[in-house]
Amino acid sequence: MELESEKQGINSNGNRSMSNAQQQKTSDMVISIEKKIDQSSAADVTEEEKRSIDVEQLKALFENILREKGELDKSNLNWIDDKTVVTDELSGIALHNFLLKVEQLGKNITFTKKTVIEIH
């Protein structure tokens, strides 16, 4: 599954990045390693309670935490669609606080770690 930000060539820093085809033209070789890590919530929440939290509530929670941490104005949030945000600046503590709150709501989290190695 390709995220909209990847389709549009936006990297995790919010900057335009080269497409795979462009990378291959400027590099002798590109190795891309992607690993998904699922983390289930340990919260004692019913399925009905989990489903009751919608996208708008998650977005509001995310922005509230950034506001509390004084990062909302400097984060340059770029909402690609109603569920996907790309930002060029986000502290680890703000992200950690958001993920803790999401887990308390009973939501599961999947981390995708991606390493791209370019050989020139």
N, C-alpha and C. Protein backbone atom coordinates (compact mmCIF):
# COMPACT_ATOMS: atom_id res chain seq x y z
N MET A 1 0.85 -1.18 0.00
CA MET A 1 0.00 0.00 0.00
C MET A 1 0.89 1.23 0.00
N GLU A 2 0.68 2.13 -0.93
CA GLU A 2 1.48 3.34 -1.04
C GLU A 2 0.70 4.50 -0.48
N LEU A 3 1.32 5.25 0.45
CA LEU A 3 0.67 6.41 1.01
C LEU A 3 0.58 7.50 -0.04
N GLU A 4 -0.41 8.36 0.11
CA GLU A 4 -0.58 9.47 -0.82
C GLU A 4 0.66 10.36 -0.84
N SER A 5 1.30 10.54 0.32
CA SER A 5 2.50 11.37 0.37
C SER A 5 3.62 10.78 -0.46
N GLU A 6 3.71 9.44 -0.52
CA GLU A 6 4.73 8.80 -1.34
C GLU A 6 4.40 8.97 -2.81
N LYS A 7 3.11 8.90 -3.16
CA LYS A 7 2.71 9.09 -4.54
C LYS A 7 3.07 10.50 -5.01
N GLN A 8 2.91 11.48 -4.09
CA GLN A 8 3.16 12.85 -4.44
C GLN A 8 4.63 13.23 -4.28
N GLY A 9 5.45 12.31 -3.80
CA GLY A 9 6.88 12.58 -3.65
C GLY A 9 7.19 13.46 -2.47
N ILE A 10 6.44 13.34 -1.38
CA ILE A 10 6.70 14.13 -0.18
C ILE A 10 7.33 13.21 0.84
N ASN A 11 8.52 13.58 1.33
CA ASN A 11 9.18 12.72 2.31
C ASN A 11 8.71 13.06 3.72
N SER A 12 9.23 12.35 4.72
CA SER A 12 8.78 12.52 6.10
C SER A 12 9.11 13.89 6.64
N ASN A 13 9.99 14.63 6.01
CA ASN A 13 10.31 15.99 6.43
C ASN A 13 9.39 17.01 5.78
N GLY A 14 8.43 16.55 4.97
CA GLY A 14 7.51 17.44 4.31
C GLY A 14 8.06 18.00 3.00
N ASN A 15 9.27 17.64 2.65
CA ASN A 15 9.89 18.13 1.43
C ASN A 15 9.59 17.20 0.27
N ARG A 16 9.66 17.72 -0.92
CA ARG A 16 9.50 16.89 -2.11
C ARG A 16 10.72 15.97 -2.20
N SER A 17 10.48 14.73 -2.47
CA SER A 17 11.57 13.78 -2.62
C SER A 17 11.55 13.22 -4.03
N MET A 18 12.65 12.57 -4.38
CA MET A 18 12.72 11.97 -5.71
C MET A 18 11.90 10.69 -5.73
N SER A 19 11.28 10.43 -6.86
CA SER A 19 10.57 9.17 -7.03
C SER A 19 11.59 8.05 -7.16
N ASN A 20 11.13 6.83 -7.06
CA ASN A 20 12.02 5.68 -7.21
C ASN A 20 12.73 5.71 -8.56
N ALA A 21 11.99 6.10 -9.59
CA ALA A 21 12.59 6.16 -10.93
C ALA A 21 13.69 7.21 -10.98
N GLN A 22 13.44 8.37 -10.36
CA GLN A 22 14.45 9.43 -10.32
C GLN A 22 15.68 8.98 -9.53
N GLN A 23 15.45 8.28 -8.40
CA GLN A 23 16.56 7.80 -7.58
C GLN A 23 17.42 6.83 -8.38
N GLN A 24 16.78 5.95 -9.12
CA GLN A 24 17.52 4.95 -9.88
C GLN A 24 18.35 5.60 -10.99
N LYS A 25 17.90 6.73 -11.52
CA LYS A 25 18.65 7.43 -12.56
C LYS A 25 19.91 8.09 -12.00
N THR A 26 19.85 8.56 -10.73
CA THR A 26 20.98 9.27 -10.15
C THR A 26 21.85 8.36 -9.27
N SER A 27 21.41 7.17 -9.01
CA SER A 27 22.13 6.23 -8.16
C SER A 27 22.48 4.98 -8.94
N ASP A 28 23.56 4.34 -8.53
CA ASP A 28 23.91 3.06 -9.13
C ASP A 28 22.99 1.96 -8.62
N MET A 29 22.54 2.11 -7.39
CA MET A 29 21.67 1.10 -6.79
C MET A 29 20.91 1.74 -5.62
N VAL A 30 19.65 1.32 -5.44
CA VAL A 30 18.85 1.78 -4.31
C VAL A 30 18.29 0.55 -3.61
N ILE A 31 18.51 0.48 -2.31
CA ILE A 31 17.95 -0.60 -1.49
C ILE A 31 16.93 0.03 -0.55
N SER A 32 15.73 -0.49 -0.56
CA SER A 32 14.68 0.02 0.31
C SER A 32 14.19 -1.11 1.20
N ILE A 33 14.26 -0.89 2.51
CA ILE A 33 13.83 -1.89 3.49
C ILE A 33 12.68 -1.29 4.28
N GLU A 34 11.57 -1.99 4.30
CA GLU A 34 10.40 -1.51 5.02
C GLU A 34 9.90 -2.60 5.96
N LYS A 35 9.70 -2.24 7.21
CA LYS A 35 9.25 -3.21 8.20
C LYS A 35 8.07 -2.63 8.96
N LYS A 36 7.00 -3.41 9.05
CA LYS A 36 5.82 -2.99 9.81
C LYS A 36 5.82 -3.69 11.16
N ILE A 37 5.56 -2.90 12.20
CA ILE A 37 5.52 -3.41 13.56
C ILE A 37 4.15 -3.06 14.15
N ASP A 38 3.39 -4.09 14.47
CA ASP A 38 2.07 -3.88 15.06
C ASP A 38 2.18 -3.84 16.57
N GLN A 39 1.49 -2.86 17.16
CA GLN A 39 1.46 -2.74 18.61
C GLN A 39 0.00 -2.65 19.04
N SER A 40 -0.46 -3.66 19.72
CA SER A 40 -1.84 -3.71 20.18
C SER A 40 -1.99 -2.92 21.47
N SER A 41 -3.12 -2.27 21.59
CA SER A 41 -3.42 -1.51 22.80
C SER A 41 -3.71 -2.48 23.94
N ALA A 42 -3.20 -2.16 25.11
CA ALA A 42 -3.46 -2.97 26.30
C ALA A 42 -4.60 -2.38 27.13
N ALA A 43 -5.21 -1.32 26.62
CA ALA A 43 -6.29 -0.65 27.36
C ALA A 43 -7.50 -1.56 27.50
N ASP A 44 -8.16 -1.44 28.63
CA ASP A 44 -9.36 -2.22 28.90
C ASP A 44 -10.56 -1.44 28.36
N VAL A 45 -10.74 -1.54 27.04
CA VAL A 45 -11.77 -0.78 26.34
C VAL A 45 -12.57 -1.76 25.48
N THR A 46 -13.88 -1.57 25.45
CA THR A 46 -14.72 -2.45 24.63
C THR A 46 -14.56 -2.10 23.15
N GLU A 47 -14.92 -3.04 22.28
CA GLU A 47 -14.86 -2.81 20.84
C GLU A 47 -15.75 -1.62 20.46
N GLU A 48 -16.87 -1.51 21.11
CA GLU A 48 -17.78 -0.39 20.83
C GLU A 48 -17.12 0.94 21.18
N GLU A 49 -16.41 0.99 22.30
CA GLU A 49 -15.71 2.21 22.69
C GLU A 49 -14.59 2.54 21.69
N LYS A 50 -13.88 1.52 21.23
CA LYS A 50 -12.82 1.74 20.24
C LYS A 50 -13.38 2.33 18.96
N ARG A 51 -14.49 1.76 18.49
CA ARG A 51 -15.11 2.21 17.23
C ARG A 51 -15.73 3.60 17.37
N SER A 52 -16.05 4.01 18.59
CA SER A 52 -16.71 5.30 18.77
C SER A 52 -15.76 6.48 18.55
N ILE A 53 -14.47 6.24 18.56
CA ILE A 53 -13.49 7.30 18.31
C ILE A 53 -13.31 7.43 16.81
N ASP A 54 -13.69 8.58 16.26
CA ASP A 54 -13.61 8.75 14.81
C ASP A 54 -12.40 9.58 14.40
N VAL A 55 -12.24 9.74 13.10
CA VAL A 55 -11.09 10.45 12.53
C VAL A 55 -11.01 11.88 13.05
N GLU A 56 -12.13 12.56 13.10
CA GLU A 56 -12.12 13.96 13.54
C GLU A 56 -11.66 14.08 14.99
N GLN A 57 -12.04 13.13 15.84
CA GLN A 57 -11.60 13.16 17.23
C GLN A 57 -10.10 12.90 17.33
N LEU A 58 -9.58 12.00 16.51
CA LEU A 58 -8.13 11.74 16.51
C LEU A 58 -7.37 12.97 16.02
N LYS A 59 -7.85 13.61 14.97
CA LYS A 59 -7.21 14.82 14.47
C LYS A 59 -7.20 15.91 15.54
N ALA A 60 -8.33 16.10 16.22
CA ALA A 60 -8.43 17.12 17.27
C ALA A 60 -7.47 16.80 18.41
N LEU A 61 -7.39 15.54 18.80
CA LEU A 61 -6.47 15.12 19.86
C LEU A 61 -5.02 15.41 19.46
N PHE A 62 -4.67 15.07 18.23
CA PHE A 62 -3.32 15.30 17.71
C PHE A 62 -2.97 16.79 17.76
N GLU A 63 -3.87 17.62 17.25
CA GLU A 63 -3.61 19.06 17.23
C GLU A 63 -3.60 19.65 18.64
N ASN A 64 -4.44 19.15 19.55
CA ASN A 64 -4.44 19.62 20.94
C ASN A 64 -3.12 19.32 21.62
N ILE A 65 -2.59 18.14 21.39
CA ILE A 65 -1.30 17.78 22.01
C ILE A 65 -0.19 18.66 21.44
N LEU A 66 -0.21 18.90 20.15
CA LEU A 66 0.79 19.81 19.56
C LEU A 66 0.66 21.21 20.14
N ARG A 67 -0.57 21.66 20.34
CA ARG A 67 -0.80 22.98 20.93
C ARG A 67 -0.27 23.02 22.36
N GLU A 68 -0.56 21.99 23.16
CA GLU A 68 -0.06 21.91 24.55
C GLU A 68 1.46 21.95 24.60
N LYS A 69 2.10 21.32 23.64
CA LYS A 69 3.57 21.26 23.60
C LYS A 69 4.18 22.48 22.90
N GLY A 70 3.34 23.41 22.45
CA GLY A 70 3.83 24.60 21.77
C GLY A 70 4.39 24.33 20.38
N GLU A 71 3.90 23.27 19.74
CA GLU A 71 4.45 22.87 18.45
C GLU A 71 3.47 23.03 17.28
N LEU A 72 2.24 23.39 17.56
CA LEU A 72 1.24 23.44 16.50
C LEU A 72 1.61 24.43 15.40
N ASP A 73 2.06 25.62 15.78
CA ASP A 73 2.36 26.65 14.79
C ASP A 73 3.63 26.36 13.99
N LYS A 74 4.56 25.63 14.58
CA LYS A 74 5.82 25.37 13.87
C LYS A 74 5.88 24.01 13.18
N SER A 75 4.83 23.22 13.30
CA SER A 75 4.85 21.86 12.75
C SER A 75 4.55 21.78 11.26
N ASN A 76 4.00 22.82 10.66
CA ASN A 76 3.68 22.81 9.23
C ASN A 76 2.91 21.55 8.84
N LEU A 77 1.74 21.38 9.42
CA LEU A 77 0.93 20.21 9.12
C LEU A 77 0.36 20.29 7.71
N ASN A 78 0.58 19.25 6.94
CA ASN A 78 0.06 19.16 5.58
C ASN A 78 -0.86 17.94 5.53
N TRP A 79 -2.17 18.19 5.62
CA TRP A 79 -3.14 17.09 5.59
C TRP A 79 -3.33 16.67 4.15
N ILE A 80 -2.81 15.49 3.79
CA ILE A 80 -2.91 14.94 2.44
C ILE A 80 -4.35 14.52 2.15
N ASP A 81 -4.99 13.92 3.13
CA ASP A 81 -6.41 13.59 3.05
C ASP A 81 -6.92 13.66 4.49
N ASP A 82 -8.14 13.22 4.74
CA ASP A 82 -8.71 13.38 6.08
C ASP A 82 -8.06 12.48 7.13
N LYS A 83 -7.18 11.55 6.72
CA LYS A 83 -6.54 10.64 7.67
C LYS A 83 -5.03 10.71 7.66
N THR A 84 -4.43 11.41 6.71
CA THR A 84 -2.98 11.37 6.53
C THR A 84 -2.39 12.76 6.67
N VAL A 85 -1.44 12.90 7.58
CA VAL A 85 -0.77 14.19 7.76
C VAL A 85 0.73 14.01 7.57
N VAL A 86 1.34 14.98 6.90
CA VAL A 86 2.78 15.02 6.74
C VAL A 86 3.25 16.29 7.44
N THR A 87 4.29 16.16 8.24
CA THR A 87 4.83 17.31 8.94
C THR A 87 6.34 17.31 8.82
N ASP A 88 6.93 18.48 8.85
CA ASP A 88 8.38 18.56 8.73
C ASP A 88 9.07 18.70 10.07
N GLU A 89 8.26 18.86 11.12
CA GLU A 89 8.87 19.01 12.44
C GLU A 89 7.90 18.52 13.50
N LEU A 90 8.35 17.56 14.29
CA LEU A 90 7.52 17.02 15.35
C LEU A 90 8.45 16.42 16.38
N SER A 91 8.36 16.89 17.60
CA SER A 91 9.26 16.37 18.63
C SER A 91 8.85 14.95 19.02
N GLY A 92 9.81 14.20 19.48
CA GLY A 92 9.55 12.84 19.94
C GLY A 92 8.58 12.82 21.10
N ILE A 93 8.67 13.82 21.99
CA ILE A 93 7.79 13.84 23.17
C ILE A 93 6.34 14.11 22.77
N ALA A 94 6.11 14.98 21.78
CA ALA A 94 4.74 15.24 21.32
C ALA A 94 4.16 13.99 20.67
N LEU A 95 4.95 13.35 19.83
CA LEU A 95 4.49 12.12 19.18
C LEU A 95 4.21 11.04 20.22
N HIS A 96 5.11 10.89 21.18
CA HIS A 96 4.95 9.89 22.24
C HIS A 96 3.66 10.15 23.04
N ASN A 97 3.42 11.41 23.41
CA ASN A 97 2.20 11.74 24.16
C ASN A 97 0.95 11.40 23.37
N PHE A 98 0.97 11.72 22.07
CA PHE A 98 -0.19 11.40 21.23
C PHE A 98 -0.42 9.89 21.17
N LEU A 99 0.64 9.13 20.95
CA LEU A 99 0.49 7.68 20.85
C LEU A 99 0.02 7.06 22.16
N LEU A 100 0.47 7.58 23.28
CA LEU A 100 -0.01 7.09 24.58
C LEU A 100 -1.51 7.34 24.73
N LYS A 101 -1.97 8.54 24.35
CA LYS A 101 -3.40 8.86 24.44
C LYS A 101 -4.22 7.95 23.51
N VAL A 102 -3.70 7.71 22.32
CA VAL A 102 -4.40 6.86 21.36
C VAL A 102 -4.51 5.43 21.90
N GLU A 103 -3.45 4.93 22.50
CA GLU A 103 -3.49 3.59 23.09
C GLU A 103 -4.47 3.53 24.26
N GLN A 104 -4.56 4.59 25.04
CA GLN A 104 -5.52 4.63 26.16
C GLN A 104 -6.96 4.56 25.64
N LEU A 105 -7.17 5.04 24.43
CA LEU A 105 -8.50 4.97 23.81
C LEU A 105 -8.79 3.59 23.22
N GLY A 106 -7.79 2.70 23.29
CA GLY A 106 -7.98 1.34 22.80
C GLY A 106 -7.58 1.13 21.35
N LYS A 107 -7.00 2.15 20.74
CA LYS A 107 -6.59 2.04 19.35
C LYS A 107 -5.26 1.29 19.24
N ASN A 108 -5.15 0.45 18.24
CA ASN A 108 -3.90 -0.25 17.95
C ASN A 108 -3.05 0.63 17.04
N ILE A 109 -1.75 0.42 17.06
CA ILE A 109 -0.82 1.25 16.29
C ILE A 109 0.07 0.34 15.45
N THR A 110 0.33 0.77 14.23
CA THR A 110 1.30 0.09 13.38
C THR A 110 2.39 1.10 13.02
N PHE A 111 3.62 0.76 13.35
CA PHE A 111 4.78 1.57 12.99
C PHE A 111 5.35 1.00 11.70
N THR A 112 5.71 1.86 10.78
CA THR A 112 6.40 1.43 9.57
C THR A 112 7.78 2.08 9.58
N LYS A 113 8.79 1.25 9.68
CA LYS A 113 10.17 1.75 9.66
C LYS A 113 10.70 1.52 8.26
N LYS A 114 11.22 2.57 7.68
CA LYS A 114 11.72 2.47 6.30
C LYS A 114 13.14 3.00 6.25
N THR A 115 14.00 2.23 5.64
CA THR A 115 15.39 2.62 5.41
C THR A 115 15.63 2.58 3.92
N VAL A 116 16.17 3.66 3.39
CA VAL A 116 16.51 3.72 1.97
C VAL A 116 18.01 3.98 1.87
N ILE A 117 18.68 3.12 1.16
CA ILE A 117 20.13 3.24 0.97
C ILE A 117 20.38 3.48 -0.51
N GLU A 118 21.09 4.56 -0.81
CA GLU A 118 21.44 4.88 -2.18
C GLU A 118 22.94 4.68 -2.36
N ILE A 119 23.29 3.97 -3.39
CA ILE A 119 24.69 3.74 -3.71
C ILE A 119 25.00 4.52 -4.98
N HIS A 120 26.02 5.38 -4.90
CA HIS A 120 26.38 6.24 -6.03
C HIS A 120 27.71 5.84 -6.59
